[in-house]
Structure formats: C-alpha cells, structure tokens
Amino acid sequence: MLKNLISTSNLAEFMTIWDKISSNPEFPKSFIDYFNSRWVPVAHMWSRVSQRLHDIYSEGDTNMLLEAYVHFWYFLKKWN
C-alpha cells in the first residue's frame, strides 16, 4: 500500500490511499504518527503527485553539476 501511495500521480487517489493506511489496524499507530509528523508535511519532496511537473534541471545540485562537467570534458578529450 505504501508503494502505491508513493507512486500515484493522482491527488484524490493519494488521499484515498493515505486514508486507508491511516485507518488500517494492521499498521501500527506509532508508524502512522511518525509518518504523519515527518513525511506527510514534506510530501512534495517524495510523492509523485507533486513531482510530475518537475524536470531534472530544477532539482540540480552541485554534485550533479560537477559530475556532468567531468563527463563532458572526459568525452570531449576522448574524441579529440
């Protein structure tokens, strides 16, 4: 069920799945409390619902840029 929560791109489906998880007695209350306090507030960082409009360039970081730079120069030297 958690995999479905993470991978759905439909907000209504996301909310339905979360309601099922949070009301399911098979999930420990401690997990529900933890998930509610730590992960739900930052759902925009991990759920596919909010990630579907992002491209790779808006999430670039220094390490990724440095790696691209090294690969660029490596292949440039290799072909010259």
PDB file of N, CA and C in Angstrom:
ATOM      1  N   MET A   1       0.813  -1.192   0.000  1.00  0.00           N
ATOM      2  CA  MET A   1       0.000   0.000   0.000  1.00  0.00           C
ATOM      3  C   MET A   1       0.865   1.267   0.000  1.00  0.00           C
ATOM      4  N   LEU A   2       1.974   1.229   0.710  1.00  0.00           N
ATOM      5  CA  LEU A   2       2.864   2.397   0.735  1.00  0.00           C
ATOM      6  C   LEU A   2       3.460   2.671  -0.637  1.00  0.00           C
ATOM      7  N   LYS A   3       3.785   1.613  -1.359  1.00  0.00           N
ATOM      8  CA  LYS A   3       4.334   1.785  -2.703  1.00  0.00           C
ATOM      9  C   LYS A   3       3.323   2.507  -3.592  1.00  0.00           C
ATOM     10  N   ASN A   4       2.050   2.155  -3.463  1.00  0.00           N
ATOM     11  CA  ASN A   4       1.007   2.831  -4.236  1.00  0.00           C
ATOM     12  C   ASN A   4       0.890   4.301  -3.841  1.00  0.00           C
ATOM     13  N   LEU A   5       1.047   4.574  -2.546  1.00  0.00           N
ATOM     14  CA  LEU A   5       0.972   5.958  -2.062  1.00  0.00           C
ATOM     15  C   LEU A   5       2.079   6.804  -2.682  1.00  0.00           C
ATOM     16  N   ILE A   6       3.267   6.249  -2.747  1.00  0.00           N
ATOM     17  CA  ILE A   6       4.418   6.972  -3.280  1.00  0.00           C
ATOM     18  C   ILE A   6       4.317   7.155  -4.791  1.00  0.00           C
ATOM     19  N   SER A   7       3.836   6.140  -5.493  1.00  0.00           N
ATOM     20  CA  SER A   7       3.899   6.163  -6.944  1.00  0.00           C
ATOM     21  C   SER A   7       2.676   6.758  -7.643  1.00  0.00           C
ATOM     22  N   THR A   8       1.602   7.020  -6.939  1.00  0.00           N
ATOM     23  CA  THR A   8       0.431   7.581  -7.620  1.00  0.00           C
ATOM     24  C   THR A   8       0.651   9.048  -7.969  1.00  0.00           C
ATOM     25  N   SER A   9       0.164   9.446  -9.128  1.00  0.00           N
ATOM     26  CA  SER A   9       0.270  10.847  -9.540  1.00  0.00           C
ATOM     27  C   SER A   9      -1.073  11.564  -9.437  1.00  0.00           C
ATOM     28  N   ASN A  10      -2.079  10.875  -8.910  1.00  0.00           N
ATOM     29  CA  ASN A  10      -3.417  11.428  -8.764  1.00  0.00           C
ATOM     30  C   ASN A  10      -3.637  11.838  -7.308  1.00  0.00           C
ATOM     31  N   LEU A  11      -3.930  13.103  -7.068  1.00  0.00           N
ATOM     32  CA  LEU A  11      -4.082  13.603  -5.703  1.00  0.00           C
ATOM     33  C   LEU A  11      -5.239  12.928  -4.971  1.00  0.00           C
ATOM     34  N   ALA A  12      -6.362  12.728  -5.636  1.00  0.00           N
ATOM     35  CA  ALA A  12      -7.518  12.083  -4.990  1.00  0.00           C
ATOM     36  C   ALA A  12      -7.169  10.647  -4.587  1.00  0.00           C
ATOM     37  N   GLU A  13      -6.460   9.962  -5.465  1.00  0.00           N
ATOM     38  CA  GLU A  13      -6.039   8.590  -5.158  1.00  0.00           C
ATOM     39  C   GLU A  13      -5.035   8.579  -4.008  1.00  0.00           C
ATOM     40  N   PHE A  14      -4.127   9.550  -3.993  1.00  0.00           N
ATOM     41  CA  PHE A  14      -3.158   9.692  -2.902  1.00  0.00           C
ATOM     42  C   PHE A  14      -3.875   9.827  -1.560  1.00  0.00           C
ATOM     43  N   MET A  15      -4.866  10.705  -1.516  1.00  0.00           N
ATOM     44  CA  MET A  15      -5.606  10.933  -0.267  1.00  0.00           C
ATOM     45  C   MET A  15      -6.406   9.689   0.139  1.00  0.00           C
ATOM     46  N   THR A  16      -6.986   9.003  -0.832  1.00  0.00           N
ATOM     47  CA  THR A  16      -7.750   7.778  -0.540  1.00  0.00           C
ATOM     48  C   THR A  16      -6.833   6.698   0.028  1.00  0.00           C
ATOM     49  N   ILE A  17      -5.674   6.521  -0.591  1.00  0.00           N
ATOM     50  CA  ILE A  17      -4.723   5.515  -0.105  1.00  0.00           C
ATOM     51  C   ILE A  17      -4.246   5.868   1.295  1.00  0.00           C
ATOM     52  N   TRP A  18      -3.942   7.144   1.538  1.00  0.00           N
ATOM     53  CA  TRP A  18      -3.484   7.547   2.867  1.00  0.00           C
ATOM     54  C   TRP A  18      -4.581   7.331   3.909  1.00  0.00           C
ATOM     55  N   ASP A  19      -5.826   7.606   3.562  1.00  0.00           N
ATOM     56  CA  ASP A  19      -6.933   7.346   4.492  1.00  0.00           C
ATOM     57  C   ASP A  19      -7.044   5.861   4.815  1.00  0.00           C
ATOM     58  N   LYS A  20      -6.868   5.009   3.805  1.00  0.00           N
ATOM     59  CA  LYS A  20      -6.916   3.561   4.034  1.00  0.00           C
ATOM     60  C   LYS A  20      -5.776   3.111   4.938  1.00  0.00           C
ATOM     61  N   ILE A  21      -4.587   3.645   4.690  1.00  0.00           N
ATOM     62  CA  ILE A  21      -3.430   3.274   5.513  1.00  0.00           C
ATOM     63  C   ILE A  21      -3.616   3.749   6.947  1.00  0.00           C
ATOM     64  N   SER A  22      -4.004   4.986   7.110  1.00  0.00           N
ATOM     65  CA  SER A  22      -4.097   5.542   8.466  1.00  0.00           C
ATOM     66  C   SER A  22      -5.250   4.958   9.280  1.00  0.00           C
ATOM     67  N   SER A  23      -6.238   4.379   8.617  1.00  0.00           N
ATOM     68  CA  SER A  23      -7.344   3.767   9.364  1.00  0.00           C
ATOM     69  C   SER A  23      -7.231   2.244   9.435  1.00  0.00           C
ATOM     70  N   ASN A  24      -6.188   1.686   8.824  1.00  0.00           N
ATOM     71  CA  ASN A  24      -5.990   0.241   8.813  1.00  0.00           C
ATOM     72  C   ASN A  24      -5.343  -0.201  10.128  1.00  0.00           C
ATOM     73  N   PRO A  25      -5.999  -1.093  10.882  1.00  0.00           N
ATOM     74  CA  PRO A  25      -5.422  -1.533  12.162  1.00  0.00           C
ATOM     75  C   PRO A  25      -4.159  -2.377  12.014  1.00  0.00           C
ATOM     76  N   GLU A  26      -3.855  -2.853  10.803  1.00  0.00           N
ATOM     77  CA  GLU A  26      -2.633  -3.633  10.594  1.00  0.00           C
ATOM     78  C   GLU A  26      -1.378  -2.758  10.659  1.00  0.00           C
ATOM     79  N   PHE A  27      -1.532  -1.467  10.400  1.00  0.00           N
ATOM     80  CA  PHE A  27      -0.404  -0.546  10.519  1.00  0.00           C
ATOM     81  C   PHE A  27      -0.323  -0.067  11.964  1.00  0.00           C
ATOM     82  N   PRO A  28       0.841  -0.168  12.586  1.00  0.00           N
ATOM     83  CA  PRO A  28       0.978   0.287  13.978  1.00  0.00           C
ATOM     84  C   PRO A  28       0.718   1.788  14.105  1.00  0.00           C
ATOM     85  N   LYS A  29       0.106   2.160  15.209  1.00  0.00           N
ATOM     86  CA  LYS A  29      -0.184   3.574  15.459  1.00  0.00           C
ATOM     87  C   LYS A  29       1.105   4.395  15.494  1.00  0.00           C
ATOM     88  N   SER A  30       2.177   3.823  15.998  1.00  0.00           N
ATOM     89  CA  SER A  30       3.453   4.546  16.047  1.00  0.00           C
ATOM     90  C   SER A  30       3.941   4.888  14.639  1.00  0.00           C
ATOM     91  N   PHE A  31       3.748   3.969  13.684  1.00  0.00           N
ATOM     92  CA  PHE A  31       4.124   4.243  12.306  1.00  0.00           C
ATOM     93  C   PHE A  31       3.268   5.362  11.728  1.00  0.00           C
ATOM     94  N   ILE A  32       1.971   5.299  11.952  1.00  0.00           N
ATOM     95  CA  ILE A  32       1.054   6.321  11.440  1.00  0.00           C
ATOM     96  C   ILE A  32       1.418   7.689  12.014  1.00  0.00           C
ATOM     97  N   ASP A  33       1.696   7.743  13.311  1.00  0.00           N
ATOM     98  CA  ASP A  33       2.086   9.012  13.942  1.00  0.00           C
ATOM     99  C   ASP A  33       3.398   9.539  13.369  1.00  0.00           C
ATOM    100  N   TYR A  34       4.373   8.639  13.224  1.00  0.00           N
ATOM    101  CA  TYR A  34       5.672   9.022  12.659  1.00  0.00           C
ATOM    102  C   TYR A  34       5.509   9.529  11.230  1.00  0.00           C
ATOM    103  N   PHE A  35       4.798   8.777  10.415  1.00  0.00           N
ATOM    104  CA  PHE A  35       4.613   9.146   9.018  1.00  0.00           C
ATOM    105  C   PHE A  35       3.864  10.461   8.903  1.00  0.00           C
ATOM    106  N   ASN A  36       2.868  10.636   9.743  1.00  0.00           N
ATOM    107  CA  ASN A  36       2.066  11.866   9.746  1.00  0.00           C
ATOM    108  C   ASN A  36       2.890  13.075  10.164  1.00  0.00           C
ATOM    109  N   SER A  37       3.789  12.885  11.117  1.00  0.00           N
ATOM    110  CA  SER A  37       4.559  14.024  11.621  1.00  0.00           C
ATOM    111  C   SER A  37       5.810  14.319  10.794  1.00  0.00           C
ATOM    112  N   ARG A  38       6.425  13.308  10.193  1.00  0.00           N
ATOM    113  CA  ARG A  38       7.697  13.505   9.497  1.00  0.00           C
ATOM    114  C   ARG A  38       7.598  13.522   7.977  1.00  0.00           C
ATOM    115  N   TRP A  39       6.716  12.723   7.406  1.00  0.00           N
ATOM    116  CA  TRP A  39       6.705  12.547   5.959  1.00  0.00           C
ATOM    117  C   TRP A  39       5.553  13.246   5.254  1.00  0.00           C
ATOM    118  N   VAL A  40       4.396  13.266   5.840  1.00  0.00           N
ATOM    119  CA  VAL A  40       3.254  13.927   5.196  1.00  0.00           C
ATOM    120  C   VAL A  40       3.494  15.426   5.002  1.00  0.00           C
ATOM    121  N   PRO A  41       4.081  16.132   5.983  1.00  0.00           N
ATOM    122  CA  PRO A  41       4.330  17.564   5.765  1.00  0.00           C
ATOM    123  C   PRO A  41       5.282  17.872   4.605  1.00  0.00           C
ATOM    124  N   VAL A  42       6.130  16.927   4.250  1.00  0.00           N
ATOM    125  CA  VAL A  42       7.063  17.148   3.137  1.00  0.00           C
ATOM    126  C   VAL A  42       6.745  16.228   1.960  1.00  0.00           C
ATOM    127  N   ALA A  43       5.485  15.920   1.778  1.00  0.00           N
ATOM    128  CA  ALA A  43       5.063  15.023   0.699  1.00  0.00           C
ATOM    129  C   ALA A  43       5.470  15.569  -0.668  1.00  0.00           C
ATOM    130  N   HIS A  44       5.601  16.871  -0.770  1.00  0.00           N
ATOM    131  CA  HIS A  44       6.017  17.467  -2.049  1.00  0.00           C
ATOM    132  C   HIS A  44       7.426  17.029  -2.449  1.00  0.00           C
ATOM    133  N   MET A  45       8.210  16.529  -1.502  1.00  0.00           N
ATOM    134  CA  MET A  45       9.579  16.126  -1.797  1.00  0.00           C
ATOM    135  C   MET A  45       9.678  14.664  -2.248  1.00  0.00           C
ATOM    136  N   TRP A  46       8.680  13.841  -1.912  1.00  0.00           N
ATOM    137  CA  TRP A  46       8.801  12.421  -2.224  1.00  0.00           C
ATOM    138  C   TRP A  46       7.619  11.824  -2.975  1.00  0.00           C
ATOM    139  N   SER A  47       6.480  12.462  -2.960  1.00  0.00           N
ATOM    140  CA  SER A  47       5.327  11.856  -3.628  1.00  0.00           C
ATOM    141  C   SER A  47       5.301  12.228  -5.104  1.00  0.00           C
ATOM    142  N   ARG A  48       4.816  11.334  -5.891  1.00  0.00           N
ATOM    143  CA  ARG A  48       4.759  11.563  -7.335  1.00  0.00           C
ATOM    144  C   ARG A  48       3.684  12.586  -7.697  1.00  0.00           C
ATOM    145  N   VAL A  49       2.746  12.814  -6.791  1.00  0.00           N
ATOM    146  CA  VAL A  49       1.682  13.791  -7.047  1.00  0.00           C
ATOM    147  C   VAL A  49       2.279  15.156  -7.357  1.00  0.00           C
ATOM    148  N   SER A  50       3.259  15.568  -6.586  1.00  0.00           N
ATOM    149  CA  SER A  50       3.843  16.888  -6.796  1.00  0.00           C
ATOM    150  C   SER A  50       5.092  16.858  -7.655  1.00  0.00           C
ATOM    151  N   GLN A  51       5.638  15.693  -7.925  1.00  0.00           N
ATOM    152  CA  GLN A  51       6.863  15.597  -8.714  1.00  0.00           C
ATOM    153  C   GLN A  51       6.616  15.521 -10.205  1.00  0.00           C
ATOM    154  N   ARG A  52       5.401  15.362 -10.634  1.00  0.00           N
ATOM    155  CA  ARG A  52       5.143  15.119 -12.057  1.00  0.00           C
ATOM    156  C   ARG A  52       5.425  16.326 -12.940  1.00  0.00           C
ATOM    157  N   LEU A  53       5.478  17.528 -12.385  1.00  0.00           N
ATOM    158  CA  LEU A  53       5.732  18.718 -13.188  1.00  0.00           C
ATOM    159  C   LEU A  53       7.169  19.218 -13.077  1.00  0.00           C
ATOM    160  N   HIS A  54       8.019  18.482 -12.371  1.00  0.00           N
ATOM    161  CA  HIS A  54       9.409  18.886 -12.201  1.00  0.00           C
ATOM    162  C   HIS A  54      10.271  18.277 -13.292  1.00  0.00           C
ATOM    163  N   ASP A  55      11.267  19.010 -13.710  1.00  0.00           N
ATOM    164  CA  ASP A  55      12.250  18.438 -14.612  1.00  0.00           C
ATOM    165  C   ASP A  55      13.577  18.300 -13.867  1.00  0.00           C
ATOM    166  N   ILE A  56      14.507  17.617 -14.451  1.00  0.00           N
ATOM    167  CA  ILE A  56      15.779  17.340 -13.801  1.00  0.00           C
ATOM    168  C   ILE A  56      16.576  18.619 -13.535  1.00  0.00           C
ATOM    169  N   TYR A  57      16.401  19.634 -14.357  1.00  0.00           N
ATOM    170  CA  TYR A  57      17.185  20.858 -14.213  1.00  0.00           C
ATOM    171  C   TYR A  57      16.769  21.691 -13.012  1.00  0.00           C
ATOM    172  N   SER A  58      15.516  21.602 -12.594  1.00  0.00           N
ATOM    173  CA  SER A  58      15.073  22.384 -11.436  1.00  0.00           C
ATOM    174  C   SER A  58      15.552  21.768 -10.132  1.00  0.00           C
ATOM    175  N   GLU A  59      16.011  20.519 -10.168  1.00  0.00           N
ATOM    176  CA  GLU A  59      16.466  19.840  -8.966  1.00  0.00           C
ATOM    177  C   GLU A  59      17.981  19.652  -8.941  1.00  0.00           C
ATOM    178  N   GLY A  60      18.694  20.355  -9.818  1.00  0.00           N
ATOM    179  CA  GLY A  60      20.140  20.185  -9.907  1.00  0.00           C
ATOM    180  C   GLY A  60      20.850  20.614  -8.638  1.00  0.00           C
ATOM    181  N   ASP A  61      21.885  19.887  -8.287  1.00  0.00           N
ATOM    182  CA  ASP A  61      22.713  20.268  -7.152  1.00  0.00           C
ATOM    183  C   ASP A  61      24.178  20.288  -7.586  1.00  0.00           C
ATOM    184  N   THR A  62      25.051  20.716  -6.724  1.00  0.00           N
ATOM    185  CA  THR A  62      26.459  20.881  -7.068  1.00  0.00           C
ATOM    186  C   THR A  62      27.091  19.577  -7.507  1.00  0.00           C
ATOM    187  N   ASN A  63      26.813  18.487  -6.807  1.00  0.00           N
ATOM    188  CA  ASN A  63      27.400  17.200  -7.153  1.00  0.00           C
ATOM    189  C   ASN A  63      26.979  16.768  -8.550  1.00  0.00           C
ATOM    190  N   MET A  64      25.707  16.927  -8.862  1.00  0.00           N
ATOM    191  CA  MET A  64      25.216  16.537 -10.171  1.00  0.00           C
ATOM    192  C   MET A  64      25.865  17.397 -11.262  1.00  0.00           C
ATOM    193  N   LEU A  65      25.998  18.682 -11.015  1.00  0.00           N
ATOM    194  CA  LEU A  65      26.605  19.578 -11.994  1.00  0.00           C
ATOM    195  C   LEU A  65      28.088  19.262 -12.188  1.00  0.00           C
ATOM    196  N   LEU A  66      28.789  18.976 -11.105  1.00  0.00           N
ATOM    197  CA  LEU A  66      30.202  18.619 -11.188  1.00  0.00           C
ATOM    198  C   LEU A  66      30.391  17.321 -11.970  1.00  0.00           C
ATOM    199  N   GLU A  67      29.537  16.346 -11.724  1.00  0.00           N
ATOM    200  CA  GLU A  67      29.635  15.077 -12.442  1.00  0.00           C
ATOM    201  C   GLU A  67      29.394  15.282 -13.942  1.00  0.00           C
ATOM    202  N   ALA A  68      28.409  16.086 -14.285  1.00  0.00           N
ATOM    203  CA  ALA A  68      28.142  16.373 -15.700  1.00  0.00           C
ATOM    204  C   ALA A  68      29.334  17.073 -16.340  1.00  0.00           C
ATOM    205  N   TYR A  69      29.945  17.992 -15.628  1.00  0.00           N
ATOM    206  CA  TYR A  69      31.119  18.711 -16.118  1.00  0.00           C
ATOM    207  C   TYR A  69      32.279  17.751 -16.402  1.00  0.00           C
ATOM    208  N   VAL A  70      32.536  16.842 -15.470  1.00  0.00           N
ATOM    209  CA  VAL A  70      33.623  15.865 -15.634  1.00  0.00           C
ATOM    210  C   VAL A  70      33.349  14.964 -16.825  1.00  0.00           C
ATOM    211  N   HIS A  71      32.125  14.475 -16.958  1.00  0.00           N
ATOM    212  CA  HIS A  71      31.784  13.610 -18.094  1.00  0.00           C
ATOM    213  C   HIS A  71      31.925  14.362 -19.420  1.00  0.00           C
ATOM    214  N   PHE A  72      31.503  15.600 -19.430  1.00  0.00           N
ATOM    215  CA  PHE A  72      31.599  16.408 -20.641  1.00  0.00           C
ATOM    216  C   PHE A  72      33.050  16.518 -21.095  1.00  0.00           C
ATOM    217  N   TRP A  73      33.933  16.891 -20.180  1.00  0.00           N
ATOM    218  CA  TRP A  73      35.336  17.065 -20.548  1.00  0.00           C
ATOM    219  C   TRP A  73      36.015  15.742 -20.864  1.00  0.00           C
ATOM    220  N   TYR A  74      35.628  14.687 -20.193  1.00  0.00           N
ATOM    221  CA  TYR A  74      36.198  13.375 -20.480  1.00  0.00           C
ATOM    222  C   TYR A  74      35.876  12.960 -21.917  1.00  0.00           C
ATOM    223  N   PHE A  75      34.628  13.078 -22.310  1.00  0.00           N
ATOM    224  CA  PHE A  75      34.240  12.681 -23.660  1.00  0.00           C
ATOM    225  C   PHE A  75      34.776  13.645 -24.716  1.00  0.00           C
ATOM    226  N   LEU A  76      34.903  14.908 -24.359  1.00  0.00           N
ATOM    227  CA  LEU A  76      35.476  15.869 -25.291  1.00  0.00           C
ATOM    228  C   LEU A  76      36.938  15.520 -25.575  1.00  0.00           C
ATOM    229  N   LYS A  77      37.718  15.203 -24.535  1.00  0.00           N
ATOM    230  CA  LYS A  77      39.122  14.819 -24.722  1.00  0.00           C
ATOM    231  C   LYS A  77      39.237  13.501 -25.470  1.00  0.00           C
ATOM    232  N   LYS A  78      38.321  12.590 -25.205  1.00  0.00           N
ATOM    233  CA  LYS A  78      38.371  11.278 -25.839  1.00  0.00           C
ATOM    234  C   LYS A  78      38.176  11.386 -27.349  1.00  0.00           C
ATOM    235  N   TRP A  79      37.338  12.296 -27.797  1.00  0.00           N
ATOM    236  CA  TRP A  79      37.032  12.419 -29.231  1.00  0.00           C
ATOM    237  C   TRP A  79      37.986  13.362 -29.951  1.00  0.00           C
ATOM    238  N   ASN A  80      38.816  14.081 -29.248  1.00  0.00           N
ATOM    239  CA  ASN A  80      39.781  14.995 -29.905  1.00  0.00           C
ATOM    240  C   ASN A  80      41.158  14.421 -29.969  1.00  0.00           C
TER     241      ASN A  80
END
